[in-house]
Structure formats: structure tokens, C-alpha cells
Amino acid sequence: MGANGTQTALHIDKNYLPFWLAQYHGRKQVRILLANDTAMNDYFDEAALNFELDVFNPKEPEWAQATVYETVLEPGQVLYIPYGAPHGARNLEDSIAISGNYLDKNTLPLHHNFCETNVDAKDTPKCDASSLRLYDAHPGRPPVSHLHYTTFRGYETIKKWCLYVLPAMKASAEQSEVGSKRHTKVTRWVTELTKYCKSSVPEWRL
């Protein structure tokens, strides 16, 4: 969840993993470079996996040499970010979105190569030998179409998910100090989640 106008840095996800991004509420602008685009490499902080530039207001002359893919995600849309692709996002409205990294049979060889060639990665949970053996042996998920996020998370209905997550958010807001950044942020989340639950569950009363 993010407020209107907030944004991420141009970055690569941990372990260079690909991921999906599903927009549930509000609009989000996304810019993506391909993994083999080297135009901005001079600004890359390998330790932090961030690029030291403003992806939505770039001043660097090398930006003109980069191939930038851009889209605006609307509610109900899902975006795939490829393996190792630098990307950044900006909320054009108060936003609720869900994202998740994953490995599949296509990207697993790339992950093996990452683990083998990055010394600092070898002892991390996703790169240790036992984890890699489990990844290799995993049969993969059976094909599933139109799987709602709440179902993916183990809830039979949107209502049951709302009944779980919204009280937890309200409790978090009550436990944080009024006027603090945490309280302001969580209170905004509660407002947007309430709107989402009311619009998605006709009999919503909580």
C-alpha cells in the first residue's frame, strides 16, 4: 500500500528474481529496463541493488541511451517483471498492490548462475546447496487460471480476507503513536483497505 506521489528507486529485486505485480486499487506508473541494458550501470550500487538516480525525473545524460519500457497499471491488471530487470514504480493515486518474487523452470538456471558467480550470495537462504536441491526437485505448480490473490493466500472469499487483514491494520494503527509516520501510514492503509472491502463485498459492515 502506498500514498499518492510515493515511489521506489530504480532497483533490481534481491537475488535478481523476477516477480509479478498485481494492482488492486488506484493507479501505479512503472518504468522498466531490461537486464542486459547497460546504459545506467555507472549509477548502480551493487550492494544495495539500487541505482543512484530518480527514475521518474532522470537528469543523467546516459538515460537517453537506455531503452525504457513504461506503463500505468490500473486496478485489475497484473505486470510481469523479468529476471534481473531494473524497475521503479510511482503511485499516481493512493494505491493497493500485491507483488511476489518467484522461481520457475525458465529462470532456475539463471538463479543457479547467480548463486555460483556471486560470492556474497552463496550462504544466503535461497542459494545454499539444500535450497537449490529442493528447487531443482520441485515439480512446479499445476496450471491455474484466474486465481484470486485472496485464494492464493488461503482465504475462501474476499470477505474472509478482509475480516482478517482489516482488524489487524486497525490494531496496528491504534498501537502506534498518534502523529508518527507509522500512524499516518497505517491509518491511510486502513482507509484504503476499507474502501476496497466495501466495494468488493456488498454486505460489508465491519
Protein backbone atom coordinates (compact mmCIF):
# COMPACT_ATOMS: atom_id res chain seq x y z
CA MET A 1 0.00 0.00 0.00
CA GLY A 2 1.31 3.44 -0.84
CA ALA A 3 0.19 7.05 -0.79
CA ASN A 4 -0.32 9.18 -3.88
CA GLY A 5 3.03 10.51 -5.11
CA THR A 6 5.26 7.99 -3.32
CA GLN A 7 7.73 5.99 -5.40
CA THR A 8 10.52 3.43 -5.30
CA ALA A 9 14.07 3.88 -6.51
CA LEU A 10 15.16 2.25 -9.74
CA HIS A 11 16.27 -1.13 -8.38
CA ILE A 12 16.71 -4.83 -9.00
CA ASP A 13 14.97 -7.30 -6.72
CA LYS A 14 17.01 -9.39 -4.29
CA ASN A 15 18.75 -12.35 -5.95
CA TYR A 16 17.72 -10.76 -9.27
CA LEU A 17 14.47 -12.74 -9.09
CA PRO A 18 11.55 -11.98 -11.44
CA PHE A 19 8.18 -11.12 -9.95
CA TRP A 20 4.57 -10.27 -10.66
CA LEU A 21 2.82 -7.08 -9.56
CA ALA A 22 -0.98 -7.03 -9.24
CA GLN A 23 -2.80 -3.69 -8.90
CA TYR A 24 -5.94 -3.76 -6.75
CA HIS A 25 -6.75 -0.10 -6.07
CA GLY A 26 -5.53 3.18 -7.55
CA ARG A 27 -3.08 3.62 -10.42
CA LYS A 28 0.66 2.95 -10.48
CA GLN A 29 3.23 4.12 -13.05
CA VAL A 30 6.06 1.65 -13.71
CA ARG A 31 9.32 2.04 -15.64
CA ILE A 32 11.44 -0.99 -16.56
CA LEU A 33 14.84 -1.55 -18.21
CA LEU A 34 15.92 -4.95 -19.46
CA ALA A 35 18.58 -6.88 -17.56
CA ASN A 36 21.07 -6.55 -20.42
CA ASP A 37 20.66 -2.77 -20.74
CA THR A 38 23.97 -1.33 -19.53
CA ALA A 39 23.27 2.38 -20.11
CA MET A 40 22.87 3.21 -16.40
CA ASN A 41 25.43 0.80 -14.93
CA ASP A 42 27.68 3.62 -13.71
CA TYR A 43 24.93 4.58 -11.23
CA PHE A 44 24.33 1.06 -9.90
CA ASP A 45 25.04 0.32 -6.23
CA GLU A 46 25.59 -3.44 -6.32
CA ALA A 47 25.39 -3.86 -2.54
CA ALA A 48 22.01 -2.14 -2.28
CA LEU A 49 20.78 -3.21 -5.76
CA ASN A 50 19.67 0.40 -6.30
CA PHE A 51 20.53 2.94 -8.98
CA GLU A 52 21.52 6.38 -7.67
CA LEU A 53 19.10 8.39 -9.80
CA ASP A 54 15.46 9.46 -9.86
CA VAL A 55 13.80 7.07 -12.31
CA PHE A 56 10.86 9.44 -12.88
CA ASN A 57 12.91 12.61 -13.18
CA PRO A 58 16.29 11.49 -14.54
CA LYS A 59 18.98 14.15 -15.07
CA GLU A 60 21.77 11.81 -16.15
CA PRO A 61 22.79 12.10 -19.83
CA GLU A 62 23.13 8.31 -20.13
CA TRP A 63 19.36 7.99 -19.65
CA ALA A 64 18.91 8.95 -23.30
CA GLN A 65 20.79 5.74 -24.24
CA ALA A 66 18.57 3.45 -22.13
CA THR A 67 15.59 1.59 -23.57
CA VAL A 68 12.79 2.31 -21.09
CA TYR A 69 9.51 0.40 -21.01
CA GLU A 70 6.71 2.29 -19.27
CA THR A 71 3.11 1.55 -18.35
CA VAL A 72 0.38 2.67 -15.98
CA LEU A 73 -1.24 -0.16 -14.04
CA GLU A 74 -4.99 0.12 -13.50
CA PRO A 75 -6.97 -1.89 -10.90
CA GLY A 76 -7.29 -5.50 -12.01
CA GLN A 77 -4.12 -5.51 -14.10
CA VAL A 78 -1.01 -7.64 -13.47
CA LEU A 79 2.52 -6.87 -14.66
CA TYR A 80 5.43 -9.30 -15.05
CA ILE A 81 8.95 -8.01 -14.32
CA PRO A 82 11.64 -10.22 -15.93
CA TYR A 83 14.65 -11.72 -14.19
CA GLY A 84 17.26 -9.09 -13.27
CA ALA A 85 15.30 -6.20 -14.82
CA PRO A 86 15.83 -2.76 -13.17
CA HIS A 87 12.48 -1.16 -12.40
CA GLY A 88 10.81 1.59 -10.41
CA ALA A 89 7.20 2.43 -9.53
CA ARG A 90 5.31 5.60 -8.62
CA ASN A 91 1.80 5.79 -7.18
CA LEU A 92 -0.40 8.14 -9.20
CA GLU A 93 -3.16 7.71 -6.60
CA ASP A 94 -3.43 6.11 -3.16
CA SER A 95 -2.66 2.53 -4.10
CA ILE A 96 -3.05 -1.08 -3.02
CA ALA A 97 -0.93 -3.60 -4.90
CA ILE A 98 0.43 -7.07 -4.28
CA SER A 99 3.73 -8.43 -5.61
CA GLY A 100 5.70 -11.61 -5.26
CA ASN A 101 9.07 -12.96 -6.37
CA TYR A 102 9.22 -16.50 -7.71
CA LEU A 103 11.33 -19.09 -9.46
CA ASP A 104 10.18 -21.27 -12.34
CA LYS A 105 11.85 -23.77 -14.64
CA ASN A 106 12.80 -20.99 -17.08
CA THR A 107 14.56 -18.78 -14.54
CA LEU A 108 16.03 -21.50 -12.30
CA PRO A 109 19.21 -21.87 -14.46
CA LEU A 110 19.72 -18.09 -14.18
CA HIS A 111 19.34 -18.36 -10.40
CA HIS A 112 21.91 -21.16 -10.27
CA ASN A 113 24.33 -18.97 -12.21
CA PHE A 114 23.68 -16.02 -9.87
CA CYS A 115 24.39 -18.18 -6.81
CA GLU A 116 27.58 -19.58 -8.33
CA THR A 117 29.04 -16.29 -9.53
CA ASN A 118 28.17 -14.01 -6.58
CA VAL A 119 30.37 -14.80 -3.60
CA ASP A 120 28.16 -12.96 -1.11
CA ALA A 121 25.08 -14.90 -2.26
CA LYS A 122 26.36 -18.42 -1.68
CA ASP A 123 25.48 -18.52 2.02
CA THR A 124 22.07 -16.86 1.70
CA PRO A 125 18.90 -18.95 2.23
CA LYS A 126 17.94 -19.00 -1.46
CA CYS A 127 21.42 -20.01 -2.61
CA ASP A 128 22.56 -22.62 -0.12
CA ALA A 129 23.03 -26.13 -1.52
CA SER A 130 19.99 -27.67 0.21
CA SER A 131 17.66 -24.96 -1.11
CA LEU A 132 18.99 -25.36 -4.65
CA ARG A 133 18.39 -29.12 -4.48
CA LEU A 134 14.81 -28.51 -3.38
CA TYR A 135 14.26 -26.03 -6.21
CA ASP A 136 15.63 -28.50 -8.75
CA ALA A 137 13.41 -31.31 -7.47
CA HIS A 138 10.21 -29.26 -7.23
CA PRO A 139 7.63 -30.46 -9.78
CA GLY A 140 6.16 -26.99 -10.19
CA ARG A 141 2.59 -25.83 -9.63
CA PRO A 142 -0.16 -27.17 -11.86
CA PRO A 143 -1.61 -24.56 -14.26
CA VAL A 144 -4.21 -22.37 -12.56
CA SER A 145 -6.26 -19.68 -14.27
CA HIS A 146 -7.98 -16.72 -12.62
CA LEU A 147 -6.68 -17.48 -9.13
CA HIS A 148 -7.64 -14.52 -6.95
CA TYR A 149 -4.96 -13.21 -4.59
CA THR A 150 -7.11 -13.93 -1.51
CA THR A 151 -7.48 -17.54 -2.69
CA PHE A 152 -3.73 -17.71 -3.26
CA ARG A 153 -3.27 -16.56 0.34
CA GLY A 154 -5.57 -19.35 1.61
CA TYR A 155 -8.86 -17.48 2.09
CA GLU A 156 -12.03 -18.85 0.51
CA THR A 157 -13.56 -15.41 -0.11
CA ILE A 158 -12.54 -11.75 -0.25
CA LYS A 159 -14.75 -11.18 2.79
CA LYS A 160 -12.75 -13.66 4.89
CA TRP A 161 -9.50 -11.98 3.82
CA CYS A 162 -10.93 -8.55 4.72
CA LEU A 163 -12.11 -9.86 8.10
CA TYR A 164 -8.54 -10.96 8.78
CA VAL A 165 -6.41 -8.12 7.44
CA LEU A 166 -8.50 -5.03 8.27
CA PRO A 167 -8.78 -5.62 12.06
CA ALA A 168 -5.03 -6.32 12.12
CA MET A 169 -4.36 -3.00 10.38
CA LYS A 170 -6.70 -1.14 12.74
CA ALA A 171 -4.93 -2.68 15.74
CA SER A 172 -1.57 -1.62 14.31
CA ALA A 173 -2.85 1.95 13.91
CA GLU A 174 -4.11 2.02 17.49
CA GLN A 175 -0.78 0.76 18.83
CA SER A 176 1.30 3.36 17.00
CA GLU A 177 1.91 6.86 18.34
CA VAL A 178 -0.56 9.42 17.02
CA GLY A 179 1.23 11.82 14.68
CA SER A 180 4.10 9.44 13.95
CA LYS A 181 4.97 8.41 10.41
CA ARG A 182 3.87 4.86 11.23
CA HIS A 183 0.46 6.01 12.50
CA THR A 184 -0.10 8.25 9.46
CA LYS A 185 0.87 5.48 7.05
CA VAL A 186 -1.18 2.72 8.68
CA THR A 187 -4.22 4.99 9.09
CA ARG A 188 -4.10 5.65 5.35
CA TRP A 189 -3.85 1.90 4.73
CA VAL A 190 -6.94 1.33 6.88
CA THR A 191 -8.86 3.94 4.88
CA GLU A 192 -7.92 2.42 1.52
CA LEU A 193 -8.49 -1.16 2.67
CA THR A 194 -11.92 -0.20 3.99
CA LYS A 195 -12.80 1.29 0.60
CA TYR A 196 -11.60 -1.86 -1.16
CA CYS A 197 -13.51 -4.20 1.16
CA LYS A 198 -16.70 -2.15 0.88
CA SER A 199 -16.51 -2.10 -2.92
CA SER A 200 -15.70 -5.83 -3.16
CA VAL A 201 -18.08 -7.20 -0.50
CA PRO A 202 -21.64 -5.84 -0.89
CA GLU A 203 -22.70 -6.83 2.63
CA TRP A 204 -19.56 -5.38 4.24
CA ARG A 205 -20.34 -3.90 7.69
CA LEU A 206 -17.08 -4.01 9.69
